[in-house]
Amino acid sequence: MLDIPQRATWYNSGEIEQTVKTIVSLLSEGNFCLPPLRPGEIGVMAPWREQVWKLRERLRKEKLSAVDVGTVEVSRSFHILFHLDDFCGACRIIKVEKIG
């Protein structure tokens, strides 16, 4: 049996790049919406802590630090318009009702 440390965490650079491309695409098309889609209305759910850290770093490079990124446990409290589910090598866009 594989002995994996309890605090082990991973990331997938390909998923990170695809997620950033999807966010940039959403925002470029979001200008045609009324009201326009803003980075603060986008949230990303990632499966691992290190994936969250690396994705946040990558988004900061794109000046998209307002995009909310968290693990599955944290993202249950997101209040967002679009939710990018960063699992299984694909980004699924799930529309979420904005609360509050």
N, C-alpha and C. Protein backbone atom coordinates (compact mmCIF):
# COMPACT_ATOMS: atom_id res chain seq x y z
N MET A 1 0.84 -1.18 0.00
CA MET A 1 0.00 0.00 0.00
C MET A 1 0.89 1.24 0.00
N LEU A 2 0.46 2.25 -0.72
CA LEU A 2 1.19 3.50 -0.83
C LEU A 2 0.99 4.32 0.44
N ASP A 3 2.09 4.74 1.05
CA ASP A 3 2.01 5.53 2.28
C ASP A 3 2.15 7.01 1.93
N ILE A 4 1.03 7.73 1.89
CA ILE A 4 1.02 9.14 1.53
C ILE A 4 0.85 9.96 2.81
N PRO A 5 1.74 10.94 3.03
CA PRO A 5 1.60 11.78 4.22
C PRO A 5 0.23 12.46 4.26
N GLN A 6 -0.29 12.60 5.45
CA GLN A 6 -1.63 13.16 5.63
C GLN A 6 -1.74 14.58 5.08
N ARG A 7 -0.67 15.35 5.15
CA ARG A 7 -0.71 16.74 4.69
C ARG A 7 -0.25 16.91 3.24
N ALA A 8 -0.09 15.82 2.53
CA ALA A 8 0.35 15.90 1.13
C ALA A 8 -0.68 16.63 0.28
N THR A 9 -0.19 17.37 -0.69
CA THR A 9 -1.07 18.10 -1.59
C THR A 9 -0.43 18.14 -2.97
N TRP A 10 -1.24 18.38 -4.00
CA TRP A 10 -0.78 18.32 -5.37
C TRP A 10 -1.33 19.49 -6.16
N TYR A 11 -0.83 19.60 -7.39
CA TYR A 11 -1.41 20.55 -8.34
C TYR A 11 -1.21 20.01 -9.74
N ASN A 12 -2.02 20.54 -10.67
CA ASN A 12 -1.97 20.14 -12.07
C ASN A 12 -1.83 21.41 -12.89
N SER A 13 -0.63 21.64 -13.44
CA SER A 13 -0.37 22.89 -14.17
C SER A 13 -1.24 23.03 -15.42
N GLY A 14 -1.56 21.92 -16.07
CA GLY A 14 -2.43 21.99 -17.25
C GLY A 14 -3.82 22.48 -16.91
N GLU A 15 -4.36 21.99 -15.79
CA GLU A 15 -5.68 22.45 -15.34
C GLU A 15 -5.64 23.92 -14.97
N ILE A 16 -4.54 24.34 -14.35
CA ILE A 16 -4.41 25.75 -13.96
C ILE A 16 -4.45 26.64 -15.20
N GLU A 17 -3.68 26.28 -16.23
CA GLU A 17 -3.66 27.08 -17.45
C GLU A 17 -5.03 27.11 -18.12
N GLN A 18 -5.70 25.96 -18.16
CA GLN A 18 -7.03 25.91 -18.79
C GLN A 18 -8.04 26.74 -18.00
N THR A 19 -7.93 26.71 -16.69
CA THR A 19 -8.84 27.50 -15.85
C THR A 19 -8.63 28.99 -16.09
N VAL A 20 -7.37 29.43 -16.16
CA VAL A 20 -7.07 30.84 -16.42
C VAL A 20 -7.60 31.25 -17.80
N LYS A 21 -7.39 30.42 -18.80
CA LYS A 21 -7.91 30.72 -20.15
C LYS A 21 -9.43 30.85 -20.15
N THR A 22 -10.09 29.97 -19.40
CA THR A 22 -11.56 30.02 -19.32
C THR A 22 -12.03 31.30 -18.65
N ILE A 23 -11.36 31.70 -17.58
CA ILE A 23 -11.72 32.93 -16.87
C ILE A 23 -11.51 34.14 -17.77
N VAL A 24 -10.38 34.20 -18.46
CA VAL A 24 -10.10 35.32 -19.38
C VAL A 24 -11.17 35.37 -20.47
N SER A 25 -11.54 34.22 -20.99
CA SER A 25 -12.57 34.16 -22.03
C SER A 25 -13.93 34.63 -21.49
N LEU A 26 -14.29 34.18 -20.31
CA LEU A 26 -15.55 34.61 -19.70
C LEU A 26 -15.58 36.13 -19.53
N LEU A 27 -14.48 36.68 -19.06
CA LEU A 27 -14.43 38.12 -18.82
C LEU A 27 -14.45 38.91 -20.12
N SER A 28 -13.81 38.39 -21.17
CA SER A 28 -13.83 39.12 -22.44
C SER A 28 -15.23 39.14 -23.04
N GLU A 29 -15.97 38.07 -22.85
CA GLU A 29 -17.35 38.03 -23.34
C GLU A 29 -18.31 38.66 -22.33
N GLY A 30 -17.88 38.79 -21.09
CA GLY A 30 -18.71 39.36 -20.05
C GLY A 30 -19.02 40.82 -20.24
N ASN A 31 -18.24 41.50 -21.08
CA ASN A 31 -18.52 42.91 -21.37
C ASN A 31 -19.80 43.09 -22.16
N PHE A 32 -20.29 42.02 -22.76
CA PHE A 32 -21.53 42.10 -23.54
C PHE A 32 -22.75 41.86 -22.66
N CYS A 33 -22.53 41.54 -21.39
CA CYS A 33 -23.63 41.30 -20.45
C CYS A 33 -24.02 42.61 -19.77
N LEU A 34 -25.24 42.66 -19.32
CA LEU A 34 -25.69 43.80 -18.52
C LEU A 34 -26.18 43.28 -17.19
N PRO A 35 -25.56 43.60 -16.09
CA PRO A 35 -24.31 44.33 -15.99
C PRO A 35 -23.13 43.46 -16.42
N PRO A 36 -22.00 44.07 -16.77
CA PRO A 36 -20.83 43.29 -17.20
C PRO A 36 -20.33 42.35 -16.10
N LEU A 37 -19.82 41.20 -16.51
CA LEU A 37 -19.25 40.23 -15.58
C LEU A 37 -17.93 40.78 -15.06
N ARG A 38 -17.73 40.70 -13.74
CA ARG A 38 -16.51 41.19 -13.10
C ARG A 38 -15.76 40.02 -12.47
N PRO A 39 -14.43 40.14 -12.31
CA PRO A 39 -13.64 39.05 -11.72
C PRO A 39 -14.14 38.63 -10.34
N GLY A 40 -14.64 39.55 -9.55
CA GLY A 40 -15.13 39.23 -8.21
C GLY A 40 -16.39 38.37 -8.21
N GLU A 41 -17.01 38.20 -9.37
CA GLU A 41 -18.20 37.38 -9.48
C GLU A 41 -17.88 35.97 -9.98
N ILE A 42 -16.58 35.66 -10.07
CA ILE A 42 -16.15 34.35 -10.52
C ILE A 42 -15.44 33.65 -9.38
N GLY A 43 -15.75 32.39 -9.19
CA GLY A 43 -15.09 31.59 -8.17
C GLY A 43 -14.63 30.27 -8.76
N VAL A 44 -13.54 29.75 -8.23
CA VAL A 44 -13.00 28.48 -8.69
C VAL A 44 -12.87 27.55 -7.50
N MET A 45 -13.38 26.35 -7.69
CA MET A 45 -13.27 25.30 -6.69
C MET A 45 -12.14 24.37 -7.15
N ALA A 46 -11.13 24.18 -6.33
CA ALA A 46 -10.01 23.31 -6.69
C ALA A 46 -9.93 22.15 -5.70
N PRO A 47 -9.46 20.99 -6.17
CA PRO A 47 -9.46 19.81 -5.32
C PRO A 47 -8.36 19.78 -4.26
N TRP A 48 -7.25 20.50 -4.46
CA TRP A 48 -6.13 20.41 -3.52
C TRP A 48 -5.65 21.79 -3.13
N ARG A 49 -5.10 21.90 -1.91
CA ARG A 49 -4.60 23.19 -1.41
C ARG A 49 -3.53 23.77 -2.31
N GLU A 50 -2.58 22.93 -2.75
CA GLU A 50 -1.52 23.46 -3.60
C GLU A 50 -2.06 23.94 -4.94
N GLN A 51 -3.09 23.30 -5.45
CA GLN A 51 -3.74 23.76 -6.68
C GLN A 51 -4.31 25.17 -6.46
N VAL A 52 -4.90 25.38 -5.30
CA VAL A 52 -5.44 26.71 -4.96
C VAL A 52 -4.32 27.73 -4.94
N TRP A 53 -3.21 27.41 -4.25
CA TRP A 53 -2.09 28.36 -4.14
C TRP A 53 -1.52 28.70 -5.50
N LYS A 54 -1.27 27.68 -6.33
CA LYS A 54 -0.68 27.90 -7.65
C LYS A 54 -1.63 28.68 -8.57
N LEU A 55 -2.91 28.37 -8.47
CA LEU A 55 -3.90 29.08 -9.29
C LEU A 55 -4.00 30.55 -8.88
N ARG A 56 -3.98 30.81 -7.58
CA ARG A 56 -4.00 32.21 -7.12
C ARG A 56 -2.78 32.97 -7.64
N GLU A 57 -1.59 32.34 -7.57
CA GLU A 57 -0.38 32.97 -8.10
C GLU A 57 -0.53 33.30 -9.58
N ARG A 58 -1.03 32.34 -10.32
CA ARG A 58 -1.20 32.51 -11.78
C ARG A 58 -2.20 33.62 -12.10
N LEU A 59 -3.30 33.67 -11.33
CA LEU A 59 -4.31 34.71 -11.54
C LEU A 59 -3.77 36.09 -11.20
N ARG A 60 -2.93 36.18 -10.18
CA ARG A 60 -2.32 37.47 -9.84
C ARG A 60 -1.46 37.98 -10.99
N LYS A 61 -0.76 37.07 -11.69
CA LYS A 61 0.05 37.48 -12.83
C LYS A 61 -0.81 38.08 -13.95
N GLU A 62 -2.06 37.63 -14.02
CA GLU A 62 -3.00 38.14 -15.03
C GLU A 62 -3.81 39.33 -14.51
N LYS A 63 -3.46 39.80 -13.30
CA LYS A 63 -4.19 40.89 -12.64
C LYS A 63 -5.65 40.52 -12.39
N LEU A 64 -5.85 39.27 -11.99
CA LEU A 64 -7.19 38.75 -11.71
C LEU A 64 -7.29 38.24 -10.27
N SER A 65 -6.66 38.95 -9.35
CA SER A 65 -6.66 38.50 -7.96
C SER A 65 -8.04 38.57 -7.31
N ALA A 66 -8.99 39.26 -7.92
CA ALA A 66 -10.34 39.34 -7.36
C ALA A 66 -11.13 38.05 -7.56
N VAL A 67 -10.66 37.17 -8.45
CA VAL A 67 -11.33 35.88 -8.65
C VAL A 67 -11.16 35.07 -7.36
N ASP A 68 -12.25 34.55 -6.85
CA ASP A 68 -12.24 33.80 -5.61
C ASP A 68 -11.84 32.35 -5.89
N VAL A 69 -10.79 31.88 -5.23
CA VAL A 69 -10.30 30.52 -5.42
C VAL A 69 -10.23 29.84 -4.07
N GLY A 70 -10.79 28.64 -3.98
CA GLY A 70 -10.74 27.91 -2.72
C GLY A 70 -10.90 26.42 -2.95
N THR A 71 -10.67 25.69 -1.87
CA THR A 71 -10.87 24.25 -1.93
C THR A 71 -12.35 23.93 -1.85
N VAL A 72 -12.68 22.69 -2.01
CA VAL A 72 -14.08 22.26 -1.98
C VAL A 72 -14.73 22.67 -0.67
N GLU A 73 -14.03 22.50 0.45
CA GLU A 73 -14.61 22.82 1.76
C GLU A 73 -14.92 24.31 1.87
N VAL A 74 -14.00 25.16 1.42
CA VAL A 74 -14.17 26.60 1.52
C VAL A 74 -15.22 27.11 0.56
N SER A 75 -15.26 26.55 -0.64
CA SER A 75 -16.11 27.11 -1.69
C SER A 75 -17.60 26.88 -1.46
N ARG A 76 -17.96 26.14 -0.46
CA ARG A 76 -19.39 25.99 -0.16
C ARG A 76 -20.02 27.31 0.24
N SER A 77 -19.18 28.27 0.64
CA SER A 77 -19.72 29.56 1.07
C SER A 77 -19.59 30.64 0.00
N PHE A 78 -19.17 30.27 -1.21
CA PHE A 78 -19.05 31.25 -2.29
C PHE A 78 -20.41 31.88 -2.60
N HIS A 79 -20.39 33.15 -2.86
CA HIS A 79 -21.57 33.86 -3.33
C HIS A 79 -21.18 34.47 -4.67
N ILE A 80 -21.37 33.71 -5.74
CA ILE A 80 -20.83 34.10 -7.03
C ILE A 80 -21.83 33.87 -8.15
N LEU A 81 -21.52 34.41 -9.30
CA LEU A 81 -22.35 34.24 -10.47
C LEU A 81 -21.94 33.00 -11.27
N PHE A 82 -20.64 32.80 -11.46
CA PHE A 82 -20.14 31.62 -12.17
C PHE A 82 -19.21 30.85 -11.26
N HIS A 83 -19.28 29.55 -11.36
CA HIS A 83 -18.44 28.68 -10.55
C HIS A 83 -17.68 27.76 -11.48
N LEU A 84 -16.37 27.86 -11.50
CA LEU A 84 -15.56 26.97 -12.32
C LEU A 84 -15.12 25.81 -11.45
N ASP A 85 -15.51 24.64 -11.83
CA ASP A 85 -15.22 23.44 -11.06
C ASP A 85 -13.98 22.79 -11.66
N ASP A 86 -12.85 22.91 -10.98
CA ASP A 86 -11.55 22.53 -11.51
C ASP A 86 -11.21 21.09 -11.11
N PHE A 87 -11.89 20.12 -11.72
CA PHE A 87 -11.68 18.71 -11.40
C PHE A 87 -11.55 17.90 -12.68
N CYS A 88 -10.90 16.79 -12.60
CA CYS A 88 -10.88 15.77 -13.66
C CYS A 88 -10.37 16.30 -15.00
N GLY A 89 -9.48 17.27 -14.98
CA GLY A 89 -8.87 17.74 -16.21
C GLY A 89 -9.77 18.57 -17.10
N ALA A 90 -10.92 18.98 -16.61
CA ALA A 90 -11.84 19.78 -17.42
C ALA A 90 -12.50 20.83 -16.55
N CYS A 91 -12.84 21.93 -17.15
CA CYS A 91 -13.55 22.98 -16.42
C CYS A 91 -15.02 22.91 -16.80
N ARG A 92 -15.86 22.71 -15.83
CA ARG A 92 -17.29 22.75 -16.07
C ARG A 92 -17.80 24.05 -15.48
N ILE A 93 -18.60 24.77 -16.22
CA ILE A 93 -19.16 26.01 -15.73
C ILE A 93 -20.55 25.73 -15.17
N ILE A 94 -20.73 26.10 -13.93
CA ILE A 94 -21.99 25.86 -13.24
C ILE A 94 -22.56 27.21 -12.87
N LYS A 95 -23.75 27.50 -13.31
CA LYS A 95 -24.37 28.77 -12.93
C LYS A 95 -24.89 28.65 -11.51
N VAL A 96 -24.58 29.65 -10.71
CA VAL A 96 -24.97 29.66 -9.31
C VAL A 96 -25.73 30.95 -9.05
N GLU A 97 -26.84 30.85 -8.37
CA GLU A 97 -27.59 32.06 -8.04
C GLU A 97 -26.78 32.92 -7.09
N LYS A 98 -26.75 34.19 -7.35
CA LYS A 98 -26.04 35.12 -6.48
C LYS A 98 -26.87 35.34 -5.22
N ILE A 99 -26.25 35.18 -4.07
CA ILE A 99 -26.96 35.30 -2.80
C ILE A 99 -26.63 36.66 -2.19
N GLY A 100 -27.65 37.30 -1.67
CA GLY A 100 -27.43 38.57 -0.96
C GLY A 100 -27.38 39.67 -1.88
